[in-house]
Amino acid sequence: MIRLSVLALLLALAPACAQAGDAGAGRKRASACQACHGMDGLSKLPEAPNLAGQVEIYLVKALGEYRDGTRKNEVMNVVAKDLSDTDIANLAAYYGGLQIEVLPPG
């Protein structure tokens, strides 16, 4: 049953991730994102999420939803409305490709 649910989820997300992103182009496009999310993908504001190391498919889906208004956020809806599918794929490839290190509490 769980495998069927995972398969259904992947099929639902497939159209959103059909285009492979270019992380180098995403890095250049990310300059508009750095004020809140940082070039390193680590948030500079408490209300903005960290993007470094996020799953690329998730980032594509979230940006697409901000762009079409399905997901609501005053700033992100404005920022995302002019993003092309290529921009979204590239940004997702860049932020999703950033490596983060998780250390257990010492």
N, C-alpha and C. Protein backbone atom coordinates (compact mmCIF):
# COMPACT_ATOMS: atom_id res chain seq x y z
N MET A 1 0.82 -1.19 0.00
CA MET A 1 0.00 0.00 0.00
C MET A 1 0.87 1.26 0.00
N ILE A 2 1.92 1.27 0.82
CA ILE A 2 2.80 2.44 0.88
C ILE A 2 3.50 2.64 -0.46
N ARG A 3 3.95 1.55 -1.08
CA ARG A 3 4.63 1.66 -2.37
C ARG A 3 3.71 2.27 -3.43
N LEU A 4 2.44 1.89 -3.38
CA LEU A 4 1.47 2.44 -4.32
C LEU A 4 1.29 3.94 -4.11
N SER A 5 1.27 4.37 -2.84
CA SER A 5 1.13 5.79 -2.53
C SER A 5 2.34 6.59 -3.01
N VAL A 6 3.52 6.04 -2.81
CA VAL A 6 4.74 6.71 -3.26
C VAL A 6 4.76 6.80 -4.78
N LEU A 7 4.37 5.73 -5.46
CA LEU A 7 4.32 5.73 -6.91
C LEU A 7 3.32 6.78 -7.41
N ALA A 8 2.16 6.87 -6.78
CA ALA A 8 1.15 7.85 -7.18
C ALA A 8 1.69 9.27 -6.98
N LEU A 9 2.39 9.50 -5.89
CA LEU A 9 2.97 10.82 -5.64
C LEU A 9 4.01 11.17 -6.69
N LEU A 10 4.87 10.24 -7.02
CA LEU A 10 5.90 10.50 -8.03
C LEU A 10 5.29 10.78 -9.39
N LEU A 11 4.24 10.06 -9.74
CA LEU A 11 3.57 10.30 -11.01
C LEU A 11 2.90 11.66 -11.04
N ALA A 12 2.35 12.09 -9.91
CA ALA A 12 1.71 13.40 -9.83
C ALA A 12 2.74 14.52 -9.98
N LEU A 13 3.94 14.30 -9.48
CA LEU A 13 4.98 15.32 -9.54
C LEU A 13 5.78 15.28 -10.84
N ALA A 14 5.67 14.21 -11.60
CA ALA A 14 6.49 14.03 -12.79
C ALA A 14 6.43 15.20 -13.77
N PRO A 15 5.24 15.74 -14.09
CA PRO A 15 5.23 16.85 -15.03
C PRO A 15 6.01 18.07 -14.52
N ALA A 16 6.00 18.29 -13.23
CA ALA A 16 6.68 19.45 -12.65
C ALA A 16 8.20 19.32 -12.74
N CYS A 17 8.70 18.09 -12.78
CA CYS A 17 10.15 17.92 -12.79
C CYS A 17 10.64 17.35 -14.11
N ALA A 18 9.85 17.50 -15.17
CA ALA A 18 10.22 16.95 -16.46
C ALA A 18 11.47 17.62 -17.03
N GLN A 19 11.73 18.85 -16.64
CA GLN A 19 12.85 19.61 -17.17
C GLN A 19 13.99 19.59 -16.15
N ALA A 20 15.14 19.10 -16.57
CA ALA A 20 16.30 19.10 -15.67
C ALA A 20 16.87 20.51 -15.60
N GLY A 21 17.22 20.93 -14.40
CA GLY A 21 17.72 22.29 -14.22
C GLY A 21 19.23 22.39 -14.37
N ASP A 22 19.69 23.59 -14.60
CA ASP A 22 21.10 23.92 -14.72
C ASP A 22 21.48 24.70 -13.46
N ALA A 23 22.23 24.05 -12.57
CA ALA A 23 22.58 24.67 -11.29
C ALA A 23 23.41 25.95 -11.48
N GLY A 24 24.26 26.01 -12.49
CA GLY A 24 25.06 27.21 -12.75
C GLY A 24 24.18 28.39 -13.12
N ALA A 25 23.20 28.15 -13.97
CA ALA A 25 22.25 29.20 -14.33
C ALA A 25 21.38 29.56 -13.13
N GLY A 26 21.05 28.57 -12.32
CA GLY A 26 20.27 28.82 -11.11
C GLY A 26 21.01 29.70 -10.12
N ARG A 27 22.32 29.49 -10.03
CA ARG A 27 23.13 30.33 -9.13
C ARG A 27 23.07 31.79 -9.56
N LYS A 28 23.15 32.03 -10.85
CA LYS A 28 23.07 33.40 -11.37
C LYS A 28 21.69 34.00 -11.08
N ARG A 29 20.64 33.21 -11.28
CA ARG A 29 19.27 33.68 -11.08
C ARG A 29 18.96 33.88 -9.60
N ALA A 30 19.68 33.18 -8.72
CA ALA A 30 19.43 33.23 -7.28
C ALA A 30 19.80 34.56 -6.64
N SER A 31 20.43 35.45 -7.38
CA SER A 31 20.77 36.75 -6.79
C SER A 31 19.53 37.48 -6.30
N ALA A 32 18.39 37.25 -6.94
CA ALA A 32 17.14 37.87 -6.50
C ALA A 32 16.61 37.22 -5.22
N CYS A 33 17.09 36.05 -4.89
CA CYS A 33 16.60 35.29 -3.73
C CYS A 33 17.46 35.52 -2.48
N GLN A 34 18.68 36.02 -2.68
CA GLN A 34 19.66 36.04 -1.60
C GLN A 34 19.30 36.94 -0.43
N ALA A 35 18.50 37.97 -0.65
CA ALA A 35 18.15 38.86 0.46
C ALA A 35 17.45 38.10 1.59
N CYS A 36 16.63 37.14 1.22
CA CYS A 36 15.88 36.36 2.23
C CYS A 36 16.49 34.98 2.47
N HIS A 37 16.88 34.30 1.38
CA HIS A 37 17.31 32.90 1.49
C HIS A 37 18.82 32.73 1.44
N GLY A 38 19.55 33.77 1.09
CA GLY A 38 21.00 33.71 1.03
C GLY A 38 21.52 32.94 -0.17
N MET A 39 22.68 33.33 -0.67
CA MET A 39 23.30 32.60 -1.79
C MET A 39 23.69 31.20 -1.37
N ASP A 40 23.91 31.01 -0.08
CA ASP A 40 24.26 29.70 0.43
C ASP A 40 23.02 28.88 0.78
N GLY A 41 21.83 29.47 0.54
CA GLY A 41 20.58 28.76 0.82
C GLY A 41 20.18 28.75 2.27
N LEU A 42 20.91 29.48 3.09
CA LEU A 42 20.59 29.55 4.51
C LEU A 42 19.92 30.88 4.79
N SER A 43 18.72 30.79 5.30
CA SER A 43 17.85 31.94 5.47
C SER A 43 18.48 33.05 6.28
N LYS A 44 18.22 34.27 5.84
CA LYS A 44 18.69 35.44 6.56
C LYS A 44 17.58 36.06 7.41
N LEU A 45 16.36 35.58 7.20
CA LEU A 45 15.19 36.09 7.93
C LEU A 45 14.48 34.93 8.63
N PRO A 46 13.97 35.15 9.83
CA PRO A 46 13.33 34.05 10.56
C PRO A 46 12.10 33.48 9.86
N GLU A 47 11.41 34.28 9.04
CA GLU A 47 10.19 33.78 8.38
C GLU A 47 10.46 33.14 7.02
N ALA A 48 11.70 33.18 6.55
CA ALA A 48 12.05 32.59 5.26
C ALA A 48 12.75 31.25 5.50
N PRO A 49 12.33 30.21 4.78
CA PRO A 49 12.94 28.89 4.99
C PRO A 49 14.33 28.77 4.39
N ASN A 50 15.11 27.85 4.94
CA ASN A 50 16.38 27.48 4.33
C ASN A 50 16.07 26.69 3.06
N LEU A 51 16.82 26.93 2.01
CA LEU A 51 16.61 26.22 0.75
C LEU A 51 17.74 25.23 0.45
N ALA A 52 18.88 25.41 1.05
CA ALA A 52 20.03 24.53 0.80
C ALA A 52 19.67 23.09 1.11
N GLY A 53 19.94 22.22 0.15
CA GLY A 53 19.74 20.80 0.35
C GLY A 53 18.30 20.33 0.30
N GLN A 54 17.36 21.23 0.00
CA GLN A 54 15.96 20.80 -0.14
C GLN A 54 15.86 19.89 -1.35
N VAL A 55 14.88 19.03 -1.36
CA VAL A 55 14.66 18.12 -2.49
C VAL A 55 14.25 18.95 -3.71
N GLU A 56 14.93 18.72 -4.81
CA GLU A 56 14.73 19.51 -6.03
C GLU A 56 13.27 19.47 -6.50
N ILE A 57 12.66 18.31 -6.49
CA ILE A 57 11.26 18.18 -6.92
C ILE A 57 10.35 19.04 -6.05
N TYR A 58 10.63 19.08 -4.75
CA TYR A 58 9.83 19.90 -3.84
C TYR A 58 9.97 21.38 -4.19
N LEU A 59 11.20 21.83 -4.47
CA LEU A 59 11.42 23.23 -4.81
C LEU A 59 10.71 23.61 -6.10
N VAL A 60 10.74 22.72 -7.10
CA VAL A 60 10.03 22.97 -8.36
C VAL A 60 8.54 23.12 -8.09
N LYS A 61 8.00 22.21 -7.31
CA LYS A 61 6.57 22.23 -7.00
C LYS A 61 6.19 23.50 -6.23
N ALA A 62 6.97 23.83 -5.21
CA ALA A 62 6.66 25.01 -4.39
C ALA A 62 6.73 26.30 -5.22
N LEU A 63 7.78 26.45 -6.01
CA LEU A 63 7.90 27.66 -6.84
C LEU A 63 6.77 27.76 -7.86
N GLY A 64 6.41 26.63 -8.45
CA GLY A 64 5.29 26.62 -9.39
C GLY A 64 3.98 27.03 -8.73
N GLU A 65 3.79 26.58 -7.50
CA GLU A 65 2.57 26.93 -6.76
C GLU A 65 2.57 28.40 -6.34
N TYR A 66 3.72 28.94 -6.00
CA TYR A 66 3.79 30.38 -5.71
C TYR A 66 3.48 31.17 -6.99
N ARG A 67 4.02 30.70 -8.10
CA ARG A 67 3.83 31.40 -9.37
C ARG A 67 2.35 31.42 -9.78
N ASP A 68 1.67 30.28 -9.65
CA ASP A 68 0.27 30.24 -10.09
C ASP A 68 -0.72 30.66 -9.01
N GLY A 69 -0.22 30.98 -7.81
CA GLY A 69 -1.08 31.47 -6.74
C GLY A 69 -1.72 30.39 -5.89
N THR A 70 -1.45 29.13 -6.16
CA THR A 70 -1.98 28.03 -5.35
C THR A 70 -1.45 28.12 -3.93
N ARG A 71 -0.19 28.45 -3.81
CA ARG A 71 0.45 28.63 -2.50
C ARG A 71 0.54 30.13 -2.26
N LYS A 72 0.13 30.57 -1.09
CA LYS A 72 0.04 32.00 -0.81
C LYS A 72 1.17 32.50 0.10
N ASN A 73 1.84 33.54 -0.37
CA ASN A 73 2.81 34.30 0.41
C ASN A 73 3.00 35.61 -0.33
N GLU A 74 2.76 36.72 0.35
CA GLU A 74 2.79 38.03 -0.33
C GLU A 74 4.07 38.25 -1.13
N VAL A 75 5.20 37.97 -0.54
CA VAL A 75 6.47 38.21 -1.22
C VAL A 75 6.71 37.18 -2.32
N MET A 76 6.55 35.91 -2.00
CA MET A 76 6.86 34.86 -2.97
C MET A 76 5.92 34.87 -4.17
N ASN A 77 4.67 35.22 -3.98
CA ASN A 77 3.75 35.28 -5.12
C ASN A 77 4.21 36.36 -6.11
N VAL A 78 4.71 37.48 -5.61
CA VAL A 78 5.20 38.55 -6.48
C VAL A 78 6.50 38.12 -7.16
N VAL A 79 7.41 37.56 -6.38
CA VAL A 79 8.72 37.15 -6.91
C VAL A 79 8.57 36.05 -7.96
N ALA A 80 7.72 35.07 -7.70
CA ALA A 80 7.62 33.90 -8.57
C ALA A 80 6.78 34.13 -9.82
N LYS A 81 5.96 35.16 -9.85
CA LYS A 81 5.03 35.33 -10.98
C LYS A 81 5.75 35.48 -12.32
N ASP A 82 6.96 36.00 -12.32
CA ASP A 82 7.70 36.19 -13.57
C ASP A 82 8.71 35.09 -13.87
N LEU A 83 8.74 34.04 -13.05
CA LEU A 83 9.69 32.95 -13.28
C LEU A 83 9.17 32.03 -14.39
N SER A 84 10.04 31.68 -15.31
CA SER A 84 9.69 30.70 -16.34
C SER A 84 9.89 29.30 -15.77
N ASP A 85 9.43 28.30 -16.50
CA ASP A 85 9.67 26.91 -16.09
C ASP A 85 11.17 26.64 -16.01
N THR A 86 11.92 27.22 -16.93
CA THR A 86 13.38 27.05 -16.94
C THR A 86 14.00 27.70 -15.71
N ASP A 87 13.56 28.91 -15.37
CA ASP A 87 14.06 29.58 -14.16
C ASP A 87 13.82 28.71 -12.93
N ILE A 88 12.61 28.19 -12.82
CA ILE A 88 12.24 27.36 -11.67
C ILE A 88 13.12 26.12 -11.61
N ALA A 89 13.28 25.44 -12.73
CA ALA A 89 14.12 24.24 -12.76
C ALA A 89 15.56 24.56 -12.37
N ASN A 90 16.08 25.69 -12.87
CA ASN A 90 17.46 26.08 -12.57
C ASN A 90 17.64 26.45 -11.10
N LEU A 91 16.71 27.21 -10.55
CA LEU A 91 16.78 27.56 -9.13
C LEU A 91 16.71 26.32 -8.25
N ALA A 92 15.82 25.41 -8.60
CA ALA A 92 15.68 24.17 -7.83
C ALA A 92 16.95 23.33 -7.91
N ALA A 93 17.56 23.29 -9.09
CA ALA A 93 18.81 22.53 -9.25
C ALA A 93 19.93 23.15 -8.41
N TYR A 94 19.98 24.47 -8.39
CA TYR A 94 21.02 25.15 -7.61
C TYR A 94 20.83 24.93 -6.11
N TYR A 95 19.67 25.33 -5.59
CA TYR A 95 19.46 25.20 -4.14
C TYR A 95 19.40 23.74 -3.70
N GLY A 96 18.83 22.88 -4.52
CA GLY A 96 18.77 21.46 -4.17
C GLY A 96 20.15 20.80 -4.18
N GLY A 97 21.06 21.36 -4.97
CA GLY A 97 22.40 20.80 -5.06
C GLY A 97 23.37 21.29 -4.00
N LEU A 98 22.98 22.31 -3.24
CA LEU A 98 23.85 22.79 -2.18
C LEU A 98 23.94 21.75 -1.07
N GLN A 99 25.12 21.45 -0.66
CA GLN A 99 25.34 20.45 0.39
C GLN A 99 25.29 21.09 1.77
N ILE A 100 24.61 20.44 2.66
CA ILE A 100 24.56 20.90 4.05
C ILE A 100 25.08 19.79 4.94
N GLU A 101 25.60 20.15 6.07
CA GLU A 101 26.13 19.18 7.02
C GLU A 101 25.28 19.25 8.28
N VAL A 102 24.84 18.09 8.70
CA VAL A 102 24.03 18.01 9.92
C VAL A 102 24.87 17.35 11.00
N LEU A 103 25.00 18.03 12.12
CA LEU A 103 25.78 17.51 13.23
C LEU A 103 24.87 17.30 14.42
N PRO A 104 24.97 16.15 15.07
CA PRO A 104 24.15 15.94 16.27
C PRO A 104 24.62 16.88 17.38
N PRO A 105 23.72 17.23 18.30
CA PRO A 105 24.11 18.08 19.41
C PRO A 105 25.28 17.45 20.18
N GLY A 106 26.19 18.28 20.58
CA GLY A 106 27.40 17.80 21.23
C GLY A 106 27.24 17.68 22.67
